[in-house]
N, C-alpha and C. Protein backbone atom coordinates (compact mmCIF):
# COMPACT_ATOMS: atom_id res chain seq x y z
N ASP A 1 64.52 107.60 77.22
CA ASP A 1 65.35 108.42 78.18
C ASP A 1 65.44 109.13 79.59
N ALA A 2 64.26 109.27 79.35
CA ALA A 2 63.96 110.27 80.65
C ALA A 2 64.11 109.34 82.17
N LEU A 3 64.41 110.17 83.20
CA LEU A 3 64.80 109.69 84.40
C LEU A 3 64.07 108.68 84.94
N PRO A 4 63.61 107.59 85.84
CA PRO A 4 62.20 107.32 86.30
C PRO A 4 62.16 107.84 87.57
N SER A 5 60.82 107.94 88.33
CA SER A 5 60.53 109.08 89.06
C SER A 5 61.04 107.53 90.42
N LEU A 6 62.67 107.96 90.96
CA LEU A 6 62.37 106.96 91.57
C LEU A 6 62.28 107.60 93.18
N ARG A 7 61.88 107.04 94.82
CA ARG A 7 62.25 107.40 95.64
C ARG A 7 62.76 106.34 96.46
N VAL A 8 64.14 106.15 96.37
CA VAL A 8 64.84 105.39 97.31
C VAL A 8 65.27 105.40 98.75
N GLU A 9 64.41 104.78 99.52
CA GLU A 9 64.75 104.30 100.90
C GLU A 9 66.21 104.09 101.10
N ASN A 10 67.85 104.93 100.79
CA ASN A 10 68.59 104.41 100.68
C ASN A 10 69.91 104.83 102.44
N GLY A 11 69.30 105.16 103.19
CA GLY A 11 70.03 105.64 104.38
C GLY A 11 70.33 106.63 104.06
N SER A 12 69.86 107.87 102.43
CA SER A 12 70.04 109.57 102.40
C SER A 12 69.03 110.15 102.99
N VAL A 13 69.48 111.09 103.71
CA VAL A 13 68.61 111.95 103.67
C VAL A 13 67.76 112.96 102.33
N ASP A 14 68.42 112.51 101.59
CA ASP A 14 67.85 112.76 100.20
C ASP A 14 66.82 111.91 99.48
N SER A 15 66.41 110.88 100.14
CA SER A 15 65.43 109.59 100.13
C SER A 15 65.64 109.20 98.53
N CYS A 16 65.49 109.14 97.06
CA CYS A 16 65.96 110.27 96.67
C CYS A 16 65.01 110.77 95.44
N ASP A 17 65.40 111.97 95.58
CA ASP A 17 64.81 112.77 93.71
C ASP A 17 66.08 112.54 92.81
N PRO A 18 65.82 112.03 91.64
CA PRO A 18 66.62 111.92 91.08
C PRO A 18 67.24 113.16 90.20
N ILE A 19 65.99 114.60 90.04
CA ILE A 19 66.47 115.28 89.05
C ILE A 19 67.35 116.46 90.28
N ARG A 20 67.40 116.12 91.43
CA ARG A 20 67.39 117.41 92.42
C ARG A 20 69.35 116.75 92.82
N THR A 21 68.99 115.44 92.87
CA THR A 21 70.52 115.02 93.46
C THR A 21 71.21 114.56 92.24
N TYR A 22 71.00 114.78 91.22
CA TYR A 22 72.46 114.73 89.62
C TYR A 22 73.12 116.02 90.21
N GLY A 23 74.30 115.70 89.42
CA GLY A 23 75.32 116.55 89.47
C GLY A 23 76.84 116.01 89.54
N GLU A 24 77.60 116.56 88.95
CA GLU A 24 79.32 116.04 88.84
C GLU A 24 79.77 116.18 89.77
N ILE A 25 80.66 115.47 90.38
CA ILE A 25 81.39 115.56 91.67
C ILE A 25 82.44 116.75 91.54
N PRO A 26 82.52 117.44 92.32
CA PRO A 26 83.68 118.80 91.80
C PRO A 26 85.13 118.26 91.85
N GLU A 27 86.49 118.83 91.41
CA GLU A 27 87.48 118.57 91.03
C GLU A 27 88.12 118.66 92.71
N GLU A 28 87.75 119.54 93.51
CA GLU A 28 87.97 119.24 95.09
C GLU A 28 87.50 117.84 94.87
N GLY A 29 86.30 117.89 95.04
CA GLY A 29 85.84 116.50 95.70
C GLY A 29 86.95 114.63 95.19
N MET A 30 87.23 114.87 94.20
CA MET A 30 87.65 114.05 93.37
C MET A 30 89.56 114.00 94.49
N GLU A 31 89.71 115.32 94.18
CA GLU A 31 91.27 115.30 94.70
C GLU A 31 91.19 114.84 96.28
N LEU A 32 89.88 114.99 96.98
CA LEU A 32 89.89 114.89 98.30
C LEU A 32 89.35 113.10 98.18
N LEU A 33 88.82 112.33 97.46
CA LEU A 33 88.74 111.16 97.37
C LEU A 33 89.56 110.36 97.52
N MET A 34 90.68 110.59 96.17
CA MET A 34 91.53 110.00 95.58
C MET A 34 92.92 110.19 97.04
N LYS A 35 93.21 111.03 97.54
CA LYS A 35 93.63 111.50 98.33
C LYS A 35 93.59 110.66 99.96
N ALA A 36 91.96 109.90 100.04
CA ALA A 36 91.79 109.18 101.34
C ALA A 36 91.52 107.73 100.62
N ALA A 37 91.13 107.97 99.34
CA ALA A 37 91.41 106.04 99.27
C ALA A 37 93.19 105.80 99.34
N ASP A 38 94.01 106.87 99.08
CA ASP A 38 95.79 106.61 98.95
C ASP A 38 96.03 106.22 100.56
N SER A 39 95.22 106.89 101.74
CA SER A 39 95.74 106.78 102.75
C SER A 39 96.04 105.38 103.12
N THR A 40 95.75 104.05 103.12
CA THR A 40 95.50 103.09 103.12
C THR A 40 96.39 102.46 102.29
N THR A 41 96.92 102.56 101.27
CA THR A 41 97.43 102.05 99.83
C THR A 41 98.61 101.66 100.06
N ALA A 42 99.42 101.52 100.78
CA ALA A 42 100.99 101.54 101.01
C ALA A 42 101.55 99.96 101.13
N ALA A 43 101.00 99.18 101.25
CA ALA A 43 100.95 97.66 101.02
C ALA A 43 100.73 97.19 99.42
N ARG A 44 99.60 98.52 98.68
CA ARG A 44 99.34 97.59 97.99
C ARG A 44 99.93 98.23 96.16
N LYS A 45 99.48 97.68 95.41
CA LYS A 45 100.02 97.93 94.11
C LYS A 45 99.89 99.24 93.93
N PRO A 46 100.35 100.10 92.77
CA PRO A 46 100.26 101.02 92.53
C PRO A 46 99.40 101.83 91.66
N ARG A 47 98.62 102.81 91.69
CA ARG A 47 97.39 103.14 91.05
C ARG A 47 97.24 102.62 89.72
N GLU A 48 98.18 102.71 89.40
CA GLU A 48 98.26 102.74 87.89
C GLU A 48 98.50 101.22 87.21
N ALA A 49 98.53 100.26 88.32
CA ALA A 49 98.24 99.08 87.63
C ALA A 49 96.88 98.53 87.87
N GLY A 50 96.16 99.20 88.61
CA GLY A 50 94.56 98.90 88.71
C GLY A 50 93.72 99.88 88.02
N ASP A 51 92.67 99.44 87.48
CA ASP A 51 91.97 100.79 87.34
C ASP A 51 90.80 101.50 87.81
N PHE A 52 89.98 102.40 87.37
CA PHE A 52 89.50 103.94 88.05
C PHE A 52 87.71 103.39 87.70
N LEU A 53 86.82 102.98 87.89
CA LEU A 53 85.49 103.07 87.50
C LEU A 53 84.38 103.90 88.27
N ASP A 54 83.88 104.33 87.64
CA ASP A 54 82.79 105.71 87.74
C ASP A 54 81.81 104.95 87.65
N ILE A 55 80.82 104.52 88.11
CA ILE A 55 79.21 104.39 88.22
C ILE A 55 78.14 105.05 88.26
N GLY A 56 78.05 105.52 86.67
CA GLY A 56 76.89 106.50 86.68
C GLY A 56 77.60 107.35 86.11
N SER A 57 78.51 107.78 85.48
CA SER A 57 79.89 108.57 85.23
C SER A 57 79.41 109.67 84.54
N GLY A 58 77.88 110.22 84.12
CA GLY A 58 77.22 111.04 83.74
C GLY A 58 77.59 111.60 82.37
N HIS A 59 78.38 112.67 81.97
CA HIS A 59 79.40 113.39 81.58
C HIS A 59 80.68 113.17 81.64
N GLY A 60 80.95 111.97 82.22
CA GLY A 60 82.34 112.08 82.36
C GLY A 60 83.91 112.70 82.66
N VAL A 61 83.28 113.47 83.76
CA VAL A 61 84.31 114.56 83.94
C VAL A 61 84.81 113.49 84.97
N PHE A 62 84.78 112.98 86.11
CA PHE A 62 85.41 111.94 86.72
C PHE A 62 86.26 111.17 86.30
N VAL A 63 86.13 110.73 85.47
CA VAL A 63 86.67 109.57 83.87
C VAL A 63 87.66 109.83 84.23
N ARG A 64 87.59 111.54 82.88
CA ARG A 64 88.44 111.75 82.55
C ARG A 64 89.90 112.11 83.18
N TRP A 65 89.38 112.61 84.36
CA TRP A 65 90.18 113.74 85.33
C TRP A 65 91.00 112.27 85.93
N ALA A 66 90.44 111.31 86.55
CA ALA A 66 91.11 110.29 87.11
C ALA A 66 92.15 109.76 85.95
N CYS A 67 91.88 109.79 85.16
CA CYS A 67 93.22 109.38 83.65
C CYS A 67 94.23 110.39 83.89
N LYS A 68 93.88 111.81 83.79
CA LYS A 68 94.45 112.65 83.60
C LYS A 68 95.13 113.12 84.50
N SER A 69 94.88 113.73 85.45
CA SER A 69 94.89 113.63 86.66
C SER A 69 95.56 113.11 88.18
N GLY A 70 94.50 112.11 87.75
CA GLY A 70 94.49 111.28 89.03
C GLY A 70 95.44 109.98 89.06
N GLY A 71 96.28 109.91 88.23
CA GLY A 71 97.15 108.65 87.98
C GLY A 71 97.11 107.70 87.74
N PHE A 72 95.59 107.50 87.26
CA PHE A 72 95.45 105.88 86.57
C PHE A 72 95.56 105.83 85.13
N SER A 73 96.34 104.88 84.76
CA SER A 73 96.31 104.51 83.46
C SER A 73 95.06 103.38 82.64
N THR A 74 94.00 103.55 83.66
CA THR A 74 92.67 102.62 82.52
C THR A 74 91.19 103.52 83.45
N CYS A 75 90.97 104.00 83.12
CA CYS A 75 89.66 104.57 83.88
C CYS A 75 88.74 104.25 82.88
N TRP A 76 87.16 103.60 83.70
CA TRP A 76 86.11 103.45 82.72
C TRP A 76 84.61 104.19 83.31
N GLY A 77 83.82 104.48 82.90
CA GLY A 77 82.98 105.31 82.91
C GLY A 77 81.33 104.47 82.21
N VAL A 78 80.74 104.37 83.45
CA VAL A 78 79.30 103.60 82.83
C VAL A 78 77.75 103.85 83.16
N GLU A 79 77.13 104.71 82.52
CA GLU A 79 76.09 105.91 82.16
C GLU A 79 74.70 104.94 81.97
N ILE A 80 74.07 105.37 82.25
CA ILE A 80 72.56 104.85 81.47
C ILE A 80 71.91 105.43 80.55
N GLN A 81 71.99 107.04 80.89
CA GLN A 81 71.64 107.72 80.11
C GLN A 81 71.96 107.91 78.91
N ALA A 82 71.49 108.27 78.00
CA ALA A 82 71.87 108.11 76.13
C ALA A 82 72.70 109.87 76.45
N GLU A 83 71.74 110.82 76.94
CA GLU A 83 71.98 112.04 76.87
C GLU A 83 73.01 112.56 77.72
N ARG A 84 73.41 111.98 78.52
CA ARG A 84 74.75 111.90 79.24
C ARG A 84 75.99 111.24 78.78
N HIS A 85 75.60 109.94 78.28
CA HIS A 85 76.46 109.25 77.71
C HIS A 85 77.47 110.50 76.46
N LYS A 86 76.17 110.42 75.21
CA LYS A 86 76.76 111.61 74.12
C LYS A 86 77.76 112.73 74.59
N VAL A 87 77.28 113.21 76.01
CA VAL A 87 78.02 114.70 76.17
C VAL A 87 79.30 114.32 76.86
N ALA A 88 79.32 113.01 76.94
CA ALA A 88 81.27 112.47 77.51
C ALA A 88 81.80 112.11 76.60
N VAL A 89 81.66 111.74 75.61
CA VAL A 89 81.66 111.04 74.64
C VAL A 89 82.20 112.12 73.80
N ALA A 90 81.27 112.82 73.31
CA ALA A 90 82.50 114.48 72.67
C ALA A 90 83.20 114.95 73.53
N SER A 91 82.76 115.31 74.96
CA SER A 91 83.97 115.59 75.56
C SER A 91 84.99 115.32 75.59
N GLN A 92 85.20 113.48 75.65
CA GLN A 92 86.46 112.70 75.54
C GLN A 92 86.80 112.96 74.12
N GLN A 93 86.48 112.87 73.00
CA GLN A 93 86.92 113.10 71.35
C GLN A 93 87.59 114.71 71.55
N ASP A 94 86.69 115.43 72.21
CA ASP A 94 87.97 116.87 72.10
C ASP A 94 89.30 116.71 73.51
N ASP A 95 88.97 116.32 74.40
CA ASP A 95 90.20 115.94 75.26
C ASP A 95 91.39 115.06 74.75
N ARG A 96 90.56 113.84 74.31
CA ARG A 96 91.58 112.84 74.11
C ARG A 96 92.52 112.39 75.31
N VAL A 97 91.78 112.21 76.33
CA VAL A 97 92.56 111.53 77.12
C VAL A 97 92.64 109.49 77.07
N GLN A 98 93.97 110.00 77.40
CA GLN A 98 94.55 108.27 77.33
C GLN A 98 93.84 107.88 77.96
N GLY A 99 93.49 106.41 78.14
CA GLY A 99 93.11 105.15 78.76
C GLY A 99 91.58 105.15 79.48
N VAL A 100 90.50 106.26 78.56
CA VAL A 100 89.52 106.47 79.36
C VAL A 100 88.69 105.42 78.16
N HIS A 101 87.65 104.45 78.76
CA HIS A 101 86.67 104.11 78.79
C HIS A 101 85.44 104.25 78.74
N LEU A 102 84.21 104.88 78.01
CA LEU A 102 83.15 105.17 78.43
C LEU A 102 82.33 103.88 77.54
N LEU A 103 81.05 103.70 78.64
CA LEU A 103 80.63 102.62 78.15
C LEU A 103 78.74 103.16 78.25
N LEU A 104 77.98 102.75 77.48
CA LEU A 104 76.26 103.52 77.54
C LEU A 104 75.79 101.75 78.26
N GLY A 105 75.24 101.82 79.39
CA GLY A 105 74.17 101.31 79.44
C GLY A 105 74.30 100.83 81.20
N ASP A 106 72.95 100.02 81.60
CA ASP A 106 72.97 99.37 83.01
C ASP A 106 74.47 98.74 83.38
N ILE A 107 74.90 99.33 84.52
CA ILE A 107 76.47 98.37 85.29
C ILE A 107 76.53 96.98 85.51
N ARG A 108 74.88 96.22 85.62
CA ARG A 108 74.85 94.93 85.56
C ARG A 108 75.38 94.39 84.87
N HIS A 109 75.16 95.17 83.46
CA HIS A 109 76.00 94.14 81.98
C HIS A 109 77.22 94.73 81.56
N HIS A 110 77.58 95.17 83.18
CA HIS A 110 79.32 95.60 82.28
C HIS A 110 80.30 95.40 83.53
N SER A 111 79.77 93.90 84.20
CA SER A 111 80.65 93.36 85.43
C SER A 111 81.83 93.10 85.38
N GLN A 112 82.13 93.49 83.70
CA GLN A 112 83.65 92.95 83.11
C GLN A 112 84.68 94.46 83.93
N THR A 113 83.93 95.50 84.06
CA THR A 113 84.63 96.75 84.55
C THR A 113 85.30 96.74 86.17
N PHE A 114 84.93 95.24 86.65
CA PHE A 114 85.44 94.95 87.90
C PHE A 114 87.11 94.07 88.03
N ASP A 115 86.90 93.94 86.81
CA ASP A 115 87.88 92.67 86.53
C ASP A 115 89.33 93.24 87.17
N ASN A 116 89.59 94.35 87.02
CA ASN A 116 90.93 94.44 87.13
C ASN A 116 91.52 96.54 88.04
N VAL A 117 89.92 96.39 89.06
CA VAL A 117 89.36 98.03 89.45
C VAL A 117 90.51 98.23 90.61
N SER A 118 90.66 99.41 90.93
CA SER A 118 91.52 99.32 92.50
C SER A 118 90.47 100.06 92.60
N LEU A 119 90.23 101.26 92.76
CA LEU A 119 88.81 102.40 92.97
C LEU A 119 87.72 102.48 91.87
N VAL A 120 86.62 102.70 92.70
CA VAL A 120 85.38 102.51 92.41
C VAL A 120 84.64 103.95 93.17
N TYR A 121 83.73 104.71 92.16
CA TYR A 121 83.45 105.77 93.27
C TYR A 121 82.20 105.54 92.63
N TRP A 122 80.66 105.68 93.69
CA TRP A 122 79.25 105.41 92.94
C TRP A 122 78.45 106.50 93.67
N ASN A 123 77.94 107.46 92.98
CA ASN A 123 76.78 108.17 93.24
C ASN A 123 75.35 107.42 93.23
N ASN A 124 75.34 106.46 94.51
CA ASN A 124 73.94 105.63 94.56
C ASN A 124 72.92 105.75 95.00
N LEU A 125 72.63 107.34 95.11
CA LEU A 125 71.97 107.81 96.11
C LEU A 125 69.89 107.35 94.96
N CYS A 126 70.53 107.28 93.49
CA CYS A 126 68.72 106.85 93.38
C CYS A 126 69.03 105.77 92.58
N TYR A 127 69.59 104.83 93.03
CA TYR A 127 69.63 102.98 92.50
C TYR A 127 68.71 102.73 93.42
N ALA A 128 67.94 102.00 92.80
CA ALA A 128 67.11 100.70 93.60
C ALA A 128 68.08 99.54 94.26
N THR A 129 67.32 98.61 95.22
CA THR A 129 67.88 97.71 95.58
C THR A 129 68.60 96.69 94.88
N ASP A 130 67.73 96.56 94.04
CA ASP A 130 68.42 95.56 93.18
C ASP A 130 69.61 95.70 92.42
N VAL A 131 69.68 97.10 92.14
CA VAL A 131 70.59 97.14 91.69
C VAL A 131 72.20 97.28 92.12
N ALA A 132 72.09 97.78 93.89
CA ALA A 132 72.35 98.24 94.66
C ALA A 132 73.44 96.45 94.66
N GLU A 133 72.29 95.76 95.01
CA GLU A 133 72.59 93.84 95.46
C GLU A 133 73.60 93.64 94.42
N ALA A 134 73.54 94.35 92.71
CA ALA A 134 74.11 92.89 91.87
C ALA A 134 75.62 93.54 91.55
N VAL A 135 75.92 95.28 92.38
CA VAL A 135 76.94 96.02 92.18
C VAL A 135 78.11 95.02 93.47
N ALA A 136 77.07 95.64 94.30
CA ALA A 136 77.91 94.57 95.55
C ALA A 136 78.59 93.12 95.38
N HIS A 137 77.55 92.54 94.89
CA HIS A 137 78.21 90.92 94.13
C HIS A 137 78.82 91.47 93.84
N ASN A 138 79.33 92.09 92.21
CA ASN A 138 79.91 91.54 91.34
C ASN A 138 81.02 92.32 91.88
N PHE A 139 81.33 93.63 92.79
CA PHE A 139 82.65 93.70 93.26
C PHE A 139 83.35 92.84 93.97
N ALA A 140 81.96 92.33 94.89
CA ALA A 140 82.94 91.08 95.69
C ALA A 140 83.43 89.76 95.48
N THR A 141 82.91 89.37 94.01
CA THR A 141 83.29 88.45 92.94
C THR A 141 84.18 88.95 91.82
N ARG A 142 84.58 90.07 91.61
CA ARG A 142 85.35 90.17 90.46
C ARG A 142 86.66 91.08 90.93
N ALA A 143 86.10 92.28 91.53
CA ALA A 143 87.70 92.90 91.60
C ALA A 143 88.33 92.25 92.56
N PRO A 144 89.43 92.84 92.59
CA PRO A 144 90.52 92.09 93.03
C PRO A 144 91.04 92.64 94.76
N ALA A 145 91.95 91.57 95.49
CA ALA A 145 92.04 92.33 96.91
C ALA A 145 92.39 93.46 97.02
N ASN A 146 91.96 93.84 98.15
CA ASN A 146 92.19 95.48 98.42
C ASN A 146 91.52 96.56 97.79
N ALA A 147 90.96 96.22 96.79
CA ALA A 147 89.95 97.48 95.71
C ALA A 147 88.77 97.52 96.43
N GLU A 148 88.74 98.83 96.76
CA GLU A 148 88.09 100.09 97.59
C GLU A 148 86.76 100.79 96.61
N LEU A 149 85.57 100.55 97.01
CA LEU A 149 84.38 101.08 96.41
C LEU A 149 83.93 102.18 97.45
N TRP A 150 83.58 103.20 96.91
CA TRP A 150 82.97 104.31 97.88
C TRP A 150 81.96 105.00 97.26
N SER A 151 80.88 104.80 98.27
CA SER A 151 79.67 105.21 97.70
C SER A 151 78.78 106.49 98.54
N LEU A 152 78.17 107.52 97.60
CA LEU A 152 77.48 107.98 99.06
C LEU A 152 76.41 107.56 99.66
N ALA A 153 75.93 106.66 99.89
CA ALA A 153 74.74 105.62 100.38
C ALA A 153 75.42 104.28 100.48
N ALA A 154 74.46 104.08 101.61
CA ALA A 154 75.49 102.59 102.52
C ALA A 154 74.79 101.41 101.05
N LEU A 155 75.83 100.63 100.97
CA LEU A 155 75.47 99.27 100.04
C LEU A 155 74.28 98.31 100.86
N PRO A 156 73.44 97.35 100.84
CA PRO A 156 72.70 96.42 101.25
C PRO A 156 73.43 95.51 102.27
N TYR A 157 72.50 95.74 102.97
CA TYR A 157 73.53 94.74 103.87
C TYR A 157 72.30 93.23 104.46
N PRO A 158 72.74 92.22 104.37
CA PRO A 158 74.21 92.17 105.02
C PRO A 158 75.08 92.42 103.61
N LEU A 159 76.93 92.83 104.30
CA LEU A 159 77.22 92.66 102.88
C LEU A 159 77.90 91.27 102.68
N PRO A 160 77.98 91.29 101.37
CA PRO A 160 78.49 89.65 100.60
C PRO A 160 80.15 89.70 101.83
N GLU A 161 80.12 88.44 102.33
CA GLU A 161 81.47 87.94 102.93
C GLU A 161 82.81 88.72 103.26
N SER A 162 83.25 89.04 101.36
CA SER A 162 84.69 89.31 101.14
C SER A 162 84.98 90.40 101.01
N VAL A 163 83.86 91.40 101.97
CA VAL A 163 83.46 92.60 101.89
C VAL A 163 83.66 93.52 102.90
N GLU A 164 83.98 94.77 103.34
CA GLU A 164 84.23 95.24 104.31
C GLU A 164 84.22 96.60 104.29
N ARG A 165 82.80 97.16 105.16
CA ARG A 165 83.04 98.87 105.34
C ARG A 165 84.28 99.51 106.68
N ILE A 166 85.13 99.51 106.35
CA ILE A 166 86.12 100.90 106.83
C ILE A 166 85.88 101.98 107.21
N PRO A 167 86.07 102.95 108.39
CA PRO A 167 85.76 104.06 108.85
C PRO A 167 86.57 104.98 107.64
N SER A 168 85.66 106.07 107.61
CA SER A 168 86.03 107.22 106.48
C SER A 168 85.75 108.51 107.44
N ASP A 169 86.42 109.57 107.77
CA ASP A 169 86.16 110.60 107.94
C ASP A 169 86.01 111.93 106.91
N LEU A 170 86.15 111.44 105.74
CA LEU A 170 86.22 111.76 104.47
C LEU A 170 84.82 112.62 104.41
N GLU A 171 84.59 114.13 103.85
CA GLU A 171 83.16 114.71 103.46
C GLU A 171 83.06 115.25 102.04
N LEU A 172 82.21 115.31 100.96
CA LEU A 172 82.31 115.66 100.13
C LEU A 172 80.75 116.50 99.98
N VAL A 173 81.42 117.59 99.31
CA VAL A 173 80.32 118.84 99.10
C VAL A 173 80.13 118.86 97.50
N MET A 174 78.43 118.17 97.52
CA MET A 174 78.46 118.40 95.75
C MET A 174 77.25 119.47 95.77
N PRO A 175 77.37 119.61 94.30
CA PRO A 175 76.67 120.87 93.86
C PRO A 175 75.00 121.00 94.39
N TRP A 176 74.49 120.36 94.77
CA TRP A 176 73.32 119.89 94.74
C TRP A 176 72.41 119.94 96.51
N ARG A 177 73.94 119.86 97.02
CA ARG A 177 73.81 119.97 98.43
C ARG A 177 74.93 120.57 99.07
N GLU A 178 75.26 121.92 98.73
CA GLU A 178 76.53 122.61 99.42
C GLU A 178 76.52 122.64 100.88
N GLU A 179 75.10 123.04 101.00
CA GLU A 179 74.75 123.50 102.57
C GLU A 179 75.18 122.07 103.87
N LEU A 180 74.99 120.83 103.50
CA LEU A 180 75.80 119.49 104.13
C LEU A 180 76.35 118.55 103.58
N PRO A 181 77.84 118.56 103.64
CA PRO A 181 78.46 117.44 103.16
C PRO A 181 77.88 116.27 103.47
N TYR A 182 78.44 115.13 102.52
CA TYR A 182 77.81 113.89 102.26
C TYR A 182 79.26 112.73 102.96
N LYS A 183 78.73 112.33 103.94
CA LYS A 183 80.16 111.67 103.88
C LYS A 183 80.35 110.20 103.63
N PRO A 184 80.46 109.56 102.92
CA PRO A 184 81.02 108.98 101.83
C PRO A 184 81.01 107.81 102.72
N TYR A 185 80.44 106.23 102.06
CA TYR A 185 80.78 104.79 102.98
C TYR A 185 81.95 104.50 102.25
N ARG A 186 83.02 104.15 102.72
CA ARG A 186 83.89 103.11 102.33
C ARG A 186 84.10 101.51 102.33
N TYR A 187 84.21 100.81 101.36
CA TYR A 187 84.12 99.61 101.40
C TYR A 187 85.56 98.87 100.70
N ARG A 188 86.06 97.67 101.26
CA ARG A 188 87.00 96.87 100.91
C ARG A 188 86.58 95.81 100.74
N LYS A 189 87.27 95.26 99.65
CA LYS A 189 87.61 93.96 99.00
C LYS A 189 88.50 93.14 100.37
N LYS A 190 88.27 92.36 100.96
CA LYS A 190 88.85 91.76 102.06
C LYS A 190 90.12 91.28 101.23
N GLU A 191 91.66 90.77 101.88
CA GLU A 191 92.43 90.17 101.67
C GLU A 191 92.23 89.00 101.33
N GLY A 192 92.84 87.93 100.55
CA GLY A 192 92.83 86.66 101.01
C GLY A 192 91.35 86.13 100.44
N THR A 193 90.92 86.98 99.37
CA THR A 193 89.64 86.11 99.03
C THR A 193 89.65 86.76 97.43
N ALA A 194 89.90 84.90 97.09
CA ALA A 194 89.79 85.02 95.34
C ALA A 194 88.67 85.65 94.29
N MET A 195 89.36 85.80 93.35
CA MET A 195 88.06 86.51 92.40
C MET A 195 87.41 85.16 92.22
N VAL A 196 85.98 85.08 91.86
CA VAL A 196 85.08 84.34 91.83
C VAL A 196 85.17 83.84 90.06
N GLU A 197 85.42 83.34 89.51
CA GLU A 197 85.56 82.98 87.97
C GLU A 197 84.30 82.53 87.34
N ASP A 198 83.24 83.08 87.65
CA ASP A 198 81.78 83.56 87.29
C ASP A 198 82.16 84.53 85.89
N HIS A 199 81.97 84.61 85.15
CA HIS A 199 82.03 85.86 84.01
C HIS A 199 80.37 86.26 83.85
N LYS A 200 79.71 86.15 84.91
CA LYS A 200 78.26 86.06 84.27
C LYS A 200 78.18 87.65 85.02
N ASP A 201 76.87 88.36 84.23
CA ASP A 201 76.49 89.25 85.23
C ASP A 201 75.31 89.11 85.95
N LYS A 202 75.23 89.60 86.99
CA LYS A 202 74.54 89.50 88.15
C LYS A 202 73.55 90.44 87.96
N GLU A 203 72.22 90.01 87.78
CA GLU A 203 70.99 90.66 87.48
C GLU A 203 69.93 89.62 89.02
N LEU A 204 69.54 90.69 90.01
CA LEU A 204 68.88 90.04 90.89
C LEU A 204 67.85 89.94 90.35
């Protein structure tokens, strides 16, 4: 279960170091991200009608917070590292937050988590290009219109036709890089783009 020694050129100054860039988003960052995501939700369905998804959910802190304090009724966390997932499950058993679902494995094998999502958070600093392409594909083909995906590094270009990047002034301070805040990338599933009825997990 050791982390692979990845050095991914992903548009981030971190490049990335899977040990140095790991950590949970602080609660202040969670609140700021939710507020920023809400800034264009006036014409969309209420938050509780859609799901929250944290890709690489680690100890499950953001997943539990999203259902406990963030207004979501269903929250998914997908974590590939068994030890982190074990900690997340133990914490959830203690907290018993309603609506939380924690999955162990590769996000490419759990693309059903995009089906009713309204907000996705992804610390993608240490994900290889093929995984990022698969995530972008599954978001484009399975997420409902107006769903948003926020990531710490850019998605691969060209973006899928049904996905657009939209401006954001949000800055997130992370515990591993407090001196230089991240400016996350914000993507949205375009309106008028239907979900593709192809429920096979995307692996490139």
